[in-house]
Amino acid sequence: MQKSNGMKSSLLVTMLILISTILFFAQPVHADDWRYALGISYMNVYSELADTFEKNLDYAGVSDTEEGAIPAGINFQPYLQFDNGMRIGVGLGPCSYMYGNVDYIDTPVNFNVGYTFNNSGSISPYFRMGFIRHIIAGDYVKGTDPGFFGAVGVEFLRDRSISYGLEMVYDTCEIRAESKKEIRWTDITGTAQVSTFVSSKTERYKVALSFNFYVIF
């Protein structure tokens, strides 16, 4: 299966967003203001998509499927921390990619605001919320719409130069993708099969929950 033009366009957009973000946050600022959270995320929705894509390939006659799908993605969530506990940030990720007989890429971008409790302490709970857009492309992809997200988390060893964070995120976005299913018709007695065909329709897959682990600089 050939790579789509949308796939290449999405990769280009991802590179431009990443370069722009790095250049923006490379400006000289006070060391205690900016915090850079780099981490990995677990998202169950990508396992669901991988299962759907594998079934689509089976119905398309591709029996020897070679799929590479890990329900995790790379996350970069820099933010500006204020002395009163307020915080504001932008984010790139979790970025996810599938390879093999099916191509798929998801590059979420977001803008968020939040509040950090116990701002100067070693253990600091926080929450954040904002707007998010999943930039997706690939085979069987039909699209997605912007949405909102909310997150709660806690940072550990926050009074040191390198700290760690755990976070749970609820994302309202849905990913639309093609799903093929086998339909069987039987006669009125329900005992004899008349015909079998494959039906295709667009399904919605909720992003919903994800879990993040960060190293924060």
N, C-alpha and C. Protein backbone atom coordinates (compact mmCIF):
# COMPACT_ATOMS: atom_id res chain seq x y z
N MET A 1 0.84 -1.18 0.00
CA MET A 1 0.00 0.00 0.00
C MET A 1 0.88 1.24 0.00
N GLN A 2 0.62 2.17 -0.94
CA GLN A 2 1.48 3.32 -1.10
C GLN A 2 1.18 4.36 -0.04
N LYS A 3 2.19 5.11 0.29
CA LYS A 3 2.02 6.19 1.25
C LYS A 3 1.19 7.29 0.60
N SER A 4 0.27 7.89 1.37
CA SER A 4 -0.59 8.94 0.84
C SER A 4 0.11 10.29 0.90
N ASN A 5 -0.39 11.22 0.06
CA ASN A 5 0.16 12.58 0.10
C ASN A 5 -0.12 13.24 1.44
N GLY A 6 -1.27 12.87 2.06
CA GLY A 6 -1.60 13.43 3.37
C GLY A 6 -0.59 13.04 4.42
N MET A 7 -0.03 11.84 4.29
CA MET A 7 0.99 11.37 5.22
C MET A 7 2.22 12.25 5.14
N LYS A 8 2.66 12.55 3.91
CA LYS A 8 3.85 13.37 3.73
C LYS A 8 3.59 14.79 4.23
N SER A 9 2.38 15.31 3.96
CA SER A 9 2.06 16.66 4.41
C SER A 9 2.06 16.74 5.93
N SER A 10 1.53 15.71 6.59
CA SER A 10 1.48 15.70 8.05
C SER A 10 2.88 15.64 8.65
N LEU A 11 3.77 14.87 8.02
CA LEU A 11 5.15 14.81 8.50
C LEU A 11 5.82 16.17 8.39
N LEU A 12 5.55 16.89 7.28
CA LEU A 12 6.12 18.22 7.10
C LEU A 12 5.59 19.18 8.15
N VAL A 13 4.27 19.12 8.41
CA VAL A 13 3.66 19.99 9.42
C VAL A 13 4.27 19.70 10.79
N THR A 14 4.48 18.41 11.09
CA THR A 14 5.07 18.02 12.37
C THR A 14 6.46 18.63 12.54
N MET A 15 7.27 18.55 11.50
CA MET A 15 8.63 19.10 11.55
C MET A 15 8.61 20.61 11.74
N LEU A 16 7.70 21.29 11.04
CA LEU A 16 7.62 22.75 11.16
C LEU A 16 7.19 23.16 12.56
N ILE A 17 6.20 22.44 13.12
CA ILE A 17 5.73 22.75 14.47
C ILE A 17 6.85 22.53 15.49
N LEU A 18 7.58 21.42 15.34
CA LEU A 18 8.65 21.11 16.29
C LEU A 18 9.76 22.16 16.21
N ILE A 19 10.17 22.54 14.99
CA ILE A 19 11.22 23.54 14.82
C ILE A 19 10.77 24.89 15.39
N SER A 20 9.52 25.29 15.11
CA SER A 20 8.99 26.56 15.60
C SER A 20 8.95 26.58 17.13
N THR A 21 8.54 25.44 17.72
CA THR A 21 8.47 25.36 19.19
C THR A 21 9.85 25.49 19.82
N ILE A 22 10.83 24.79 19.24
CA ILE A 22 12.20 24.86 19.78
C ILE A 22 12.75 26.27 19.68
N LEU A 23 12.55 26.93 18.53
CA LEU A 23 13.05 28.29 18.34
C LEU A 23 12.38 29.26 19.31
N PHE A 24 11.07 29.07 19.52
CA PHE A 24 10.33 29.98 20.42
C PHE A 24 10.83 29.88 21.84
N PHE A 25 11.02 28.65 22.33
CA PHE A 25 11.41 28.46 23.71
C PHE A 25 12.92 28.58 23.92
N ALA A 26 13.67 28.78 22.84
CA ALA A 26 15.11 28.97 22.97
C ALA A 26 15.46 30.41 23.31
N GLN A 27 14.46 31.31 23.34
CA GLN A 27 14.71 32.69 23.69
C GLN A 27 15.17 32.79 25.14
N PRO A 28 16.06 33.73 25.46
CA PRO A 28 16.57 33.82 26.83
C PRO A 28 15.48 34.20 27.83
N VAL A 29 15.28 33.37 28.83
CA VAL A 29 14.30 33.62 29.88
C VAL A 29 14.92 33.25 31.21
N HIS A 30 14.25 33.62 32.27
CA HIS A 30 14.72 33.30 33.61
C HIS A 30 14.67 31.79 33.83
N ALA A 31 15.69 31.22 34.44
CA ALA A 31 15.82 29.77 34.56
C ALA A 31 14.69 29.15 35.37
N ASP A 32 14.11 29.92 36.32
CA ASP A 32 13.08 29.35 37.17
C ASP A 32 11.68 29.47 36.56
N ASP A 33 11.56 30.16 35.43
CA ASP A 33 10.24 30.39 34.85
C ASP A 33 9.81 29.28 33.89
N TRP A 34 10.69 28.93 32.99
CA TRP A 34 10.34 27.94 31.97
C TRP A 34 10.66 26.53 32.47
N ARG A 35 9.75 25.61 32.20
CA ARG A 35 9.95 24.21 32.52
C ARG A 35 9.62 23.39 31.28
N TYR A 36 10.46 22.38 31.01
CA TYR A 36 10.35 21.60 29.78
C TYR A 36 10.06 20.14 30.13
N ALA A 37 8.83 19.72 29.91
CA ALA A 37 8.41 18.36 30.24
C ALA A 37 8.50 17.49 28.99
N LEU A 38 9.39 16.50 29.02
CA LEU A 38 9.57 15.58 27.90
C LEU A 38 9.25 14.17 28.40
N GLY A 39 8.37 13.48 27.70
CA GLY A 39 7.98 12.19 28.24
C GLY A 39 7.38 11.24 27.24
N ILE A 40 6.79 10.18 27.79
CA ILE A 40 6.15 9.14 27.00
C ILE A 40 4.73 8.94 27.52
N SER A 41 3.82 8.62 26.60
CA SER A 41 2.41 8.50 26.96
C SER A 41 1.84 7.17 26.49
N TYR A 42 0.91 6.64 27.26
CA TYR A 42 0.17 5.44 26.88
C TYR A 42 -1.23 5.83 26.48
N MET A 43 -1.69 5.38 25.29
CA MET A 43 -3.02 5.72 24.77
C MET A 43 -3.67 4.48 24.20
N ASN A 44 -4.76 4.04 24.80
CA ASN A 44 -5.42 2.82 24.37
C ASN A 44 -6.06 2.95 22.99
N VAL A 45 -6.40 4.17 22.59
CA VAL A 45 -7.10 4.36 21.30
C VAL A 45 -6.26 3.84 20.14
N TYR A 46 -4.94 3.90 20.23
CA TYR A 46 -4.11 3.46 19.11
C TYR A 46 -4.09 1.94 18.98
N SER A 47 -4.32 1.22 20.06
CA SER A 47 -4.48 -0.22 19.97
C SER A 47 -5.77 -0.56 19.24
N GLU A 48 -6.84 0.21 19.53
CA GLU A 48 -8.11 0.01 18.85
C GLU A 48 -7.98 0.28 17.36
N LEU A 49 -7.30 1.36 16.99
CA LEU A 49 -7.10 1.68 15.59
C LEU A 49 -6.28 0.60 14.88
N ALA A 50 -5.24 0.11 15.54
CA ALA A 50 -4.39 -0.93 14.94
C ALA A 50 -5.20 -2.19 14.67
N ASP A 51 -6.10 -2.57 15.59
CA ASP A 51 -6.95 -3.74 15.38
C ASP A 51 -7.87 -3.54 14.19
N THR A 52 -8.44 -2.33 14.08
CA THR A 52 -9.33 -2.03 12.95
C THR A 52 -8.58 -2.09 11.63
N PHE A 53 -7.39 -1.50 11.59
CA PHE A 53 -6.61 -1.48 10.35
C PHE A 53 -6.20 -2.90 9.93
N GLU A 54 -5.89 -3.74 10.91
CA GLU A 54 -5.50 -5.12 10.59
C GLU A 54 -6.68 -5.88 9.98
N LYS A 55 -7.89 -5.67 10.52
CA LYS A 55 -9.07 -6.31 9.95
C LYS A 55 -9.34 -5.79 8.54
N ASN A 56 -9.16 -4.48 8.33
CA ASN A 56 -9.34 -3.92 7.00
C ASN A 56 -8.42 -4.59 5.98
N LEU A 57 -7.18 -4.83 6.38
CA LEU A 57 -6.22 -5.48 5.49
C LEU A 57 -6.63 -6.92 5.19
N ASP A 58 -7.15 -7.61 6.21
CA ASP A 58 -7.61 -8.99 6.01
C ASP A 58 -8.73 -9.02 4.96
N TYR A 59 -9.69 -8.10 5.08
CA TYR A 59 -10.79 -8.06 4.13
C TYR A 59 -10.33 -7.62 2.74
N ALA A 60 -9.21 -6.88 2.70
CA ALA A 60 -8.68 -6.45 1.41
C ALA A 60 -7.82 -7.53 0.75
N GLY A 61 -7.65 -8.66 1.43
CA GLY A 61 -6.90 -9.75 0.87
C GLY A 61 -5.42 -9.73 1.19
N VAL A 62 -5.01 -8.87 2.10
CA VAL A 62 -3.61 -8.83 2.52
C VAL A 62 -3.48 -9.73 3.74
N SER A 63 -3.07 -10.98 3.50
CA SER A 63 -3.04 -11.96 4.58
C SER A 63 -1.78 -11.87 5.42
N ASP A 64 -0.66 -11.51 4.79
CA ASP A 64 0.62 -11.43 5.52
C ASP A 64 0.84 -9.99 5.99
N THR A 65 0.16 -9.63 7.06
CA THR A 65 0.23 -8.25 7.54
C THR A 65 1.47 -8.06 8.39
N GLU A 66 2.10 -6.94 8.20
CA GLU A 66 3.28 -6.57 8.99
C GLU A 66 3.03 -5.21 9.61
N GLU A 67 2.42 -5.24 10.78
CA GLU A 67 2.04 -4.00 11.43
C GLU A 67 2.99 -3.68 12.58
N GLY A 68 3.31 -2.42 12.72
CA GLY A 68 4.08 -1.96 13.86
C GLY A 68 3.30 -0.87 14.55
N ALA A 69 2.66 -1.21 15.67
CA ALA A 69 1.83 -0.25 16.38
C ALA A 69 2.06 -0.39 17.87
N ILE A 70 2.59 0.63 18.47
CA ILE A 70 2.80 0.66 19.91
C ILE A 70 1.86 1.71 20.50
N PRO A 71 1.04 1.33 21.50
CA PRO A 71 0.07 2.28 22.06
C PRO A 71 0.73 3.33 22.95
N ALA A 72 1.76 3.97 22.42
CA ALA A 72 2.48 4.97 23.19
C ALA A 72 3.00 6.04 22.25
N GLY A 73 3.29 7.21 22.78
CA GLY A 73 3.79 8.29 21.95
C GLY A 73 4.72 9.20 22.73
N ILE A 74 5.51 9.97 21.98
CA ILE A 74 6.44 10.92 22.58
C ILE A 74 5.71 12.25 22.83
N ASN A 75 5.98 12.84 23.98
CA ASN A 75 5.25 14.02 24.43
C ASN A 75 6.23 15.14 24.81
N PHE A 76 5.97 16.35 24.34
CA PHE A 76 6.78 17.51 24.74
C PHE A 76 5.83 18.62 25.16
N GLN A 77 5.83 18.98 26.46
CA GLN A 77 4.86 19.92 27.02
C GLN A 77 5.58 21.02 27.82
N PRO A 78 6.23 21.98 27.16
CA PRO A 78 6.87 23.10 27.88
C PRO A 78 5.82 24.07 28.42
N TYR A 79 6.14 24.70 29.55
CA TYR A 79 5.19 25.66 30.11
C TYR A 79 5.94 26.73 30.91
N LEU A 80 5.27 27.86 31.06
CA LEU A 80 5.77 28.99 31.84
C LEU A 80 5.10 28.98 33.20
N GLN A 81 5.90 28.87 34.26
CA GLN A 81 5.39 28.82 35.63
C GLN A 81 5.52 30.18 36.30
N PHE A 82 4.40 30.68 36.86
CA PHE A 82 4.40 31.96 37.58
C PHE A 82 4.50 31.72 39.08
N ASP A 83 4.99 32.74 39.79
CA ASP A 83 5.19 32.61 41.23
C ASP A 83 3.90 32.37 42.00
N ASN A 84 2.76 32.85 41.47
CA ASN A 84 1.48 32.68 42.17
C ASN A 84 0.85 31.31 41.92
N GLY A 85 1.54 30.44 41.19
CA GLY A 85 1.03 29.10 40.92
C GLY A 85 0.42 28.93 39.55
N MET A 86 0.03 30.01 38.91
CA MET A 86 -0.54 29.91 37.57
C MET A 86 0.52 29.44 36.58
N ARG A 87 0.07 28.75 35.53
CA ARG A 87 0.97 28.26 34.50
C ARG A 87 0.28 28.34 33.14
N ILE A 88 1.09 28.51 32.10
CA ILE A 88 0.56 28.58 30.74
C ILE A 88 1.54 27.84 29.83
N GLY A 89 1.01 27.07 28.89
CA GLY A 89 1.92 26.28 28.08
C GLY A 89 1.35 25.90 26.73
N VAL A 90 2.21 25.33 25.91
CA VAL A 90 1.82 24.74 24.64
C VAL A 90 2.36 23.32 24.64
N GLY A 91 1.85 22.50 23.74
CA GLY A 91 2.29 21.12 23.73
C GLY A 91 2.33 20.51 22.35
N LEU A 92 3.22 19.54 22.19
CA LEU A 92 3.33 18.77 20.97
C LEU A 92 3.35 17.30 21.36
N GLY A 93 2.29 16.59 21.00
CA GLY A 93 2.22 15.18 21.33
C GLY A 93 1.04 14.87 22.25
N PRO A 94 0.84 13.57 22.52
CA PRO A 94 1.71 12.46 22.19
C PRO A 94 1.72 12.15 20.69
N CYS A 95 2.91 12.13 20.09
CA CYS A 95 3.07 11.83 18.67
C CYS A 95 3.13 10.31 18.49
N SER A 96 2.27 9.78 17.64
CA SER A 96 2.18 8.34 17.45
C SER A 96 2.30 7.99 15.98
N TYR A 97 2.88 6.81 15.70
CA TYR A 97 3.14 6.41 14.32
C TYR A 97 2.95 4.91 14.17
N MET A 98 2.29 4.50 13.09
CA MET A 98 2.16 3.09 12.74
C MET A 98 2.86 2.87 11.40
N TYR A 99 3.48 1.72 11.26
CA TYR A 99 4.21 1.42 10.03
C TYR A 99 3.88 0.00 9.58
N GLY A 100 4.30 -0.31 8.38
CA GLY A 100 4.02 -1.62 7.81
C GLY A 100 3.12 -1.49 6.60
N ASN A 101 2.11 -2.35 6.51
CA ASN A 101 1.17 -2.30 5.40
C ASN A 101 0.18 -1.14 5.52
N VAL A 102 0.12 -0.55 6.69
CA VAL A 102 -0.74 0.62 6.92
C VAL A 102 0.12 1.74 7.47
N ASP A 103 -0.04 2.93 6.91
CA ASP A 103 0.64 4.11 7.42
C ASP A 103 -0.34 4.96 8.22
N TYR A 104 0.12 5.46 9.36
CA TYR A 104 -0.72 6.32 10.20
C TYR A 104 0.19 7.18 11.06
N ILE A 105 -0.14 8.46 11.15
CA ILE A 105 0.62 9.35 12.02
C ILE A 105 -0.35 10.32 12.70
N ASP A 106 -0.12 10.57 13.96
CA ASP A 106 -0.95 11.50 14.74
C ASP A 106 -0.02 12.44 15.49
N THR A 107 -0.19 13.75 15.24
CA THR A 107 0.63 14.76 15.91
C THR A 107 -0.29 15.78 16.58
N PRO A 108 -0.67 15.56 17.84
CA PRO A 108 -1.53 16.52 18.53
C PRO A 108 -0.75 17.78 18.93
N VAL A 109 -1.39 18.92 18.81
CA VAL A 109 -0.85 20.19 19.30
C VAL A 109 -1.89 20.81 20.24
N ASN A 110 -1.42 21.52 21.27
CA ASN A 110 -2.37 22.08 22.22
C ASN A 110 -1.88 23.39 22.81
N PHE A 111 -2.82 24.12 23.37
CA PHE A 111 -2.55 25.33 24.16
C PHE A 111 -3.29 25.14 25.47
N ASN A 112 -2.63 25.43 26.62
CA ASN A 112 -3.26 25.14 27.89
C ASN A 112 -2.89 26.14 28.97
N VAL A 113 -3.73 26.22 29.98
CA VAL A 113 -3.48 27.00 31.19
C VAL A 113 -3.78 26.10 32.38
N GLY A 114 -3.17 26.43 33.52
CA GLY A 114 -3.40 25.60 34.69
C GLY A 114 -2.90 26.25 35.96
N TYR A 115 -2.83 25.44 37.00
CA TYR A 115 -2.40 25.93 38.32
C TYR A 115 -1.59 24.84 39.02
N THR A 116 -0.48 25.24 39.63
CA THR A 116 0.38 24.34 40.39
C THR A 116 0.25 24.62 41.88
N PHE A 117 -0.09 23.60 42.65
CA PHE A 117 -0.18 23.73 44.10
C PHE A 117 1.20 23.46 44.72
N ASN A 118 1.45 24.08 45.85
CA ASN A 118 2.74 23.89 46.52
C ASN A 118 3.88 24.18 45.55
N ASN A 119 3.82 25.35 44.95
CA ASN A 119 4.69 25.72 43.84
C ASN A 119 6.18 25.59 44.16
N SER A 120 6.58 25.88 45.39
CA SER A 120 7.99 25.84 45.75
C SER A 120 8.39 24.56 46.47
N GLY A 121 7.46 23.61 46.58
CA GLY A 121 7.75 22.38 47.31
C GLY A 121 8.36 21.30 46.44
N SER A 122 8.71 20.19 47.08
CA SER A 122 9.31 19.07 46.36
C SER A 122 8.25 18.25 45.62
N ILE A 123 7.06 18.13 46.21
CA ILE A 123 5.95 17.41 45.58
C ILE A 123 4.84 18.42 45.30
N SER A 124 4.49 18.56 44.03
CA SER A 124 3.56 19.62 43.63
C SER A 124 2.46 19.08 42.72
N PRO A 125 1.24 18.92 43.24
CA PRO A 125 0.12 18.55 42.38
C PRO A 125 -0.25 19.73 41.47
N TYR A 126 -0.91 19.45 40.36
CA TYR A 126 -1.32 20.52 39.45
C TYR A 126 -2.48 20.04 38.58
N PHE A 127 -3.11 20.99 37.93
CA PHE A 127 -4.07 20.67 36.88
C PHE A 127 -3.86 21.62 35.72
N ARG A 128 -4.26 21.22 34.56
CA ARG A 128 -4.20 22.08 33.37
C ARG A 128 -5.32 21.69 32.42
N MET A 129 -5.72 22.62 31.56
CA MET A 129 -6.79 22.37 30.60
C MET A 129 -6.58 23.28 29.40
N GLY A 130 -7.17 22.90 28.28
CA GLY A 130 -6.99 23.74 27.11
C GLY A 130 -7.57 23.15 25.85
N PHE A 131 -7.15 23.70 24.72
CA PHE A 131 -7.60 23.27 23.41
C PHE A 131 -6.57 22.32 22.81
N ILE A 132 -7.06 21.34 22.03
CA ILE A 132 -6.16 20.38 21.40
C ILE A 132 -6.66 20.05 20.01
N ARG A 133 -5.72 19.85 19.09
CA ARG A 133 -6.04 19.44 17.72
C ARG A 133 -5.11 18.30 17.32
N HIS A 134 -5.70 17.19 16.89
CA HIS A 134 -4.92 16.06 16.40
C HIS A 134 -4.72 16.22 14.90
N ILE A 135 -3.48 16.36 14.47
CA ILE A 135 -3.15 16.43 13.05
C ILE A 135 -2.83 15.01 12.61
N ILE A 136 -3.75 14.39 11.86
CA ILE A 136 -3.60 12.98 11.51
C ILE A 136 -3.58 12.80 10.01
N ALA A 137 -2.93 11.73 9.56
CA ALA A 137 -2.89 11.37 8.14
C ALA A 137 -2.55 9.91 8.03
N GLY A 138 -2.87 9.31 6.88
CA GLY A 138 -2.53 7.92 6.66
C GLY A 138 -3.64 7.16 5.98
N ASP A 139 -3.46 5.86 5.87
CA ASP A 139 -4.45 4.99 5.25
C ASP A 139 -5.65 4.82 6.17
N TYR A 140 -6.83 4.80 5.58
CA TYR A 140 -8.10 4.60 6.27
C TYR A 140 -8.49 5.79 7.16
N VAL A 141 -7.72 6.86 7.16
CA VAL A 141 -8.01 8.02 8.01
C VAL A 141 -9.06 8.89 7.34
N LYS A 142 -10.07 9.30 8.11
CA LYS A 142 -11.13 10.15 7.59
C LYS A 142 -11.10 11.56 8.18
N GLY A 143 -10.45 11.75 9.33
CA GLY A 143 -10.33 13.09 9.88
C GLY A 143 -10.60 13.14 11.38
N THR A 144 -10.54 14.34 11.92
CA THR A 144 -10.82 14.59 13.33
C THR A 144 -11.14 16.06 13.48
N ASP A 145 -11.69 16.45 14.61
CA ASP A 145 -12.05 17.84 14.88
C ASP A 145 -11.32 18.33 16.13
N PRO A 146 -11.11 19.64 16.26
CA PRO A 146 -10.50 20.17 17.49
C PRO A 146 -11.37 19.84 18.70
N GLY A 147 -10.75 19.79 19.87
CA GLY A 147 -11.50 19.50 21.08
C GLY A 147 -10.86 20.13 22.29
N PHE A 148 -11.30 19.70 23.45
CA PHE A 148 -10.77 20.19 24.72
C PHE A 148 -10.12 19.03 25.47
N PHE A 149 -9.25 19.37 26.39
CA PHE A 149 -8.67 18.35 27.25
C PHE A 149 -8.47 18.91 28.66
N GLY A 150 -8.48 18.03 29.61
CA GLY A 150 -8.19 18.38 30.99
C GLY A 150 -7.22 17.36 31.56
N ALA A 151 -6.32 17.81 32.42
CA ALA A 151 -5.30 16.92 32.97
C ALA A 151 -5.05 17.22 34.43
N VAL A 152 -4.78 16.19 35.19
CA VAL A 152 -4.34 16.32 36.59
C VAL A 152 -3.06 15.52 36.74
N GLY A 153 -2.16 16.03 37.54
CA GLY A 153 -0.89 15.34 37.71
C GLY A 153 -0.15 15.79 38.94
N VAL A 154 1.03 15.23 39.12
CA VAL A 154 1.87 15.60 40.25
C VAL A 154 3.32 15.52 39.80
N GLU A 155 4.11 16.50 40.24
CA GLU A 155 5.54 16.52 39.95
C GLU A 155 6.32 16.19 41.22
N PHE A 156 7.37 15.39 41.07
CA PHE A 156 8.20 14.97 42.19
C PHE A 156 9.60 15.57 42.06
N LEU A 157 10.25 15.82 43.21
CA LEU A 157 11.59 16.43 43.23
C LEU A 157 11.59 17.76 42.49
N ARG A 158 10.53 18.51 42.64
CA ARG A 158 10.37 19.74 41.87
C ARG A 158 11.35 20.82 42.28
N ASP A 159 11.92 20.71 43.47
CA ASP A 159 12.88 21.71 43.94
C ASP A 159 14.29 21.42 43.45
N ARG A 160 14.45 20.42 42.57
CA ARG A 160 15.76 20.09 42.01
C ARG A 160 15.81 20.48 40.54
N SER A 161 16.99 20.40 39.95
CA SER A 161 17.16 20.84 38.56
C SER A 161 16.44 19.92 37.57
N ILE A 162 16.32 18.64 37.92
CA ILE A 162 15.57 17.69 37.10
C ILE A 162 14.51 17.04 37.98
N SER A 163 13.27 17.11 37.54
CA SER A 163 12.18 16.51 38.29
C SER A 163 11.41 15.54 37.40
N TYR A 164 10.38 14.91 38.00
CA TYR A 164 9.61 13.89 37.28
C TYR A 164 8.13 14.16 37.49
N GLY A 165 7.33 13.71 36.54
CA GLY A 165 5.90 13.95 36.65
C GLY A 165 5.07 12.77 36.17
N LEU A 166 3.92 12.59 36.80
CA LEU A 166 2.92 11.62 36.38
C LEU A 166 1.63 12.38 36.12
N GLU A 167 0.93 12.02 35.05
CA GLU A 167 -0.24 12.81 34.65
C GLU A 167 -1.29 11.91 33.99
N MET A 168 -2.55 12.24 34.25
CA MET A 168 -3.68 11.59 33.57
C MET A 168 -4.44 12.66 32.79
N VAL A 169 -4.72 12.38 31.52
CA VAL A 169 -5.35 13.35 30.63
C VAL A 169 -6.65 12.78 30.08
N TYR A 170 -7.69 13.62 30.03
CA TYR A 170 -8.92 13.25 29.34
C TYR A 170 -9.07 14.15 28.12
N ASP A 171 -9.13 13.54 26.95
CA ASP A 171 -9.16 14.24 25.66
C ASP A 171 -10.52 13.99 25.01
N THR A 172 -11.25 15.05 24.66
CA THR A 172 -12.59 14.90 24.09
C THR A 172 -12.58 14.62 22.59
N CYS A 173 -11.43 14.65 21.94
CA CYS A 173 -11.36 14.47 20.49
C CYS A 173 -11.73 13.04 20.09
N GLU A 174 -12.24 12.92 18.86
CA GLU A 174 -12.53 11.64 18.25
C GLU A 174 -11.80 11.53 16.92
N ILE A 175 -11.28 10.35 16.64
CA ILE A 175 -10.59 10.09 15.38
C ILE A 175 -11.53 9.29 14.48
N ARG A 176 -11.75 9.78 13.27
CA ARG A 176 -12.63 9.10 12.32
C ARG A 176 -11.79 8.26 11.36
N ALA A 177 -12.12 6.98 11.26
CA ALA A 177 -11.36 6.08 10.40
C ALA A 177 -12.30 5.07 9.75
N GLU A 178 -11.90 4.57 8.59
CA GLU A 178 -12.70 3.58 7.86
C GLU A 178 -12.60 2.22 8.54
N SER A 179 -13.74 1.56 8.68
CA SER A 179 -13.80 0.23 9.27
C SER A 179 -14.57 -0.69 8.34
N LYS A 180 -13.95 -1.81 7.97
CA LYS A 180 -14.59 -2.78 7.08
C LYS A 180 -15.12 -3.95 7.92
N LYS A 181 -16.33 -4.41 7.57
CA LYS A 181 -16.93 -5.52 8.29
C LYS A 181 -17.58 -6.49 7.30
N GLU A 182 -17.57 -7.76 7.68
CA GLU A 182 -18.18 -8.78 6.84
C GLU A 182 -19.67 -8.89 7.16
N ILE A 183 -20.51 -8.83 6.13
CA ILE A 183 -21.96 -8.93 6.28
C ILE A 183 -22.42 -10.22 5.63
N ARG A 184 -23.24 -10.99 6.36
CA ARG A 184 -23.75 -12.25 5.82
C ARG A 184 -25.28 -12.21 5.77
N TRP A 185 -25.81 -12.62 4.62
CA TRP A 185 -27.25 -12.70 4.42
C TRP A 185 -27.67 -14.18 4.45
N THR A 186 -28.74 -14.46 5.14
CA THR A 186 -29.28 -15.82 5.18
C THR A 186 -30.73 -15.82 4.74
N ASP A 187 -31.24 -16.99 4.41
CA ASP A 187 -32.64 -17.05 3.97
C ASP A 187 -33.57 -16.92 5.16
N ILE A 188 -34.86 -16.97 4.90
CA ILE A 188 -35.86 -16.69 5.93
C ILE A 188 -35.82 -17.70 7.07
N THR A 189 -35.34 -18.91 6.80
CA THR A 189 -35.28 -19.92 7.87
C THR A 189 -34.07 -19.74 8.77
N GLY A 190 -33.11 -18.95 8.29
CA GLY A 190 -31.92 -18.70 9.09
C GLY A 190 -30.94 -19.84 9.10
N THR A 191 -31.10 -20.79 8.17
CA THR A 191 -30.23 -21.97 8.17
C THR A 191 -29.23 -21.99 7.01
N ALA A 192 -29.53 -21.31 5.93
CA ALA A 192 -28.66 -21.37 4.75
C ALA A 192 -28.09 -19.99 4.45
N GLN A 193 -26.80 -19.97 4.23
CA GLN A 193 -26.16 -18.71 3.87
C GLN A 193 -26.41 -18.40 2.41
N VAL A 194 -26.82 -17.18 2.13
CA VAL A 194 -27.10 -16.76 0.76
C VAL A 194 -25.91 -16.07 0.15
N SER A 195 -25.35 -15.09 0.84
CA SER A 195 -24.22 -14.36 0.29
C SER A 195 -23.42 -13.68 1.41
N THR A 196 -22.20 -13.34 1.07
CA THR A 196 -21.32 -12.64 2.00
C THR A 196 -20.64 -11.49 1.27
N PHE A 197 -20.62 -10.31 1.88
CA PHE A 197 -19.89 -9.20 1.29
C PHE A 197 -19.30 -8.34 2.40
N VAL A 198 -18.40 -7.47 2.01
CA VAL A 198 -17.71 -6.60 2.97
C VAL A 198 -18.29 -5.20 2.89
N SER A 199 -18.72 -4.69 4.02
CA SER A 199 -19.27 -3.34 4.11
C SER A 199 -18.23 -2.41 4.74
N SER A 200 -18.23 -1.17 4.29
CA SER A 200 -17.27 -0.19 4.81
C SER A 200 -18.02 1.03 5.33
N LYS A 201 -17.64 1.49 6.52
CA LYS A 201 -18.25 2.71 7.05
C LYS A 201 -17.24 3.44 7.94
N THR A 202 -17.54 4.67 8.22
CA THR A 202 -16.66 5.49 9.05
C THR A 202 -17.04 5.33 10.52
N GLU A 203 -16.08 4.92 11.32
CA GLU A 203 -16.28 4.77 12.76
C GLU A 203 -15.57 5.91 13.49
N ARG A 204 -16.08 6.23 14.67
CA ARG A 204 -15.46 7.25 15.53
C ARG A 204 -14.78 6.56 16.71
N TYR A 205 -13.53 6.91 16.93
CA TYR A 205 -12.76 6.34 18.02
C TYR A 205 -12.39 7.45 19.01
N LYS A 206 -12.89 7.33 20.23
CA LYS A 206 -12.64 8.35 21.25
C LYS A 206 -11.20 8.26 21.74
N VAL A 207 -10.52 9.40 21.77
CA VAL A 207 -9.17 9.44 22.34
C VAL A 207 -9.25 9.17 23.85
N ALA A 208 -10.16 9.86 24.53
CA ALA A 208 -10.44 9.65 25.96
C ALA A 208 -9.18 9.74 26.82
N LEU A 209 -8.86 8.68 27.57
CA LEU A 209 -7.81 8.76 28.58
C LEU A 209 -6.43 8.44 28.02
N SER A 210 -5.45 9.14 28.53
CA SER A 210 -4.05 8.81 28.29
C SER A 210 -3.28 9.05 29.59
N PHE A 211 -2.15 8.37 29.73
CA PHE A 211 -1.34 8.45 30.94
C PHE A 211 0.08 8.81 30.55
N ASN A 212 0.62 9.84 31.21
CA ASN A 212 1.91 10.40 30.82
C ASN A 212 2.94 10.29 31.94
N PHE A 213 4.18 10.02 31.53
CA PHE A 213 5.32 10.09 32.44
C PHE A 213 6.31 11.09 31.86
N TYR A 214 6.75 12.06 32.67
CA TYR A 214 7.62 13.13 32.20
C TYR A 214 8.94 13.17 32.97
N VAL A 215 9.97 13.58 32.25
CA VAL A 215 11.19 14.09 32.86
C VAL A 215 11.18 15.58 32.59
N ILE A 216 11.34 16.39 33.63
CA ILE A 216 11.15 17.84 33.51
C ILE A 216 12.46 18.56 33.81
N PHE A 217 12.85 19.42 32.89
CA PHE A 217 14.11 20.16 33.01
C PHE A 217 13.86 21.63 33.33
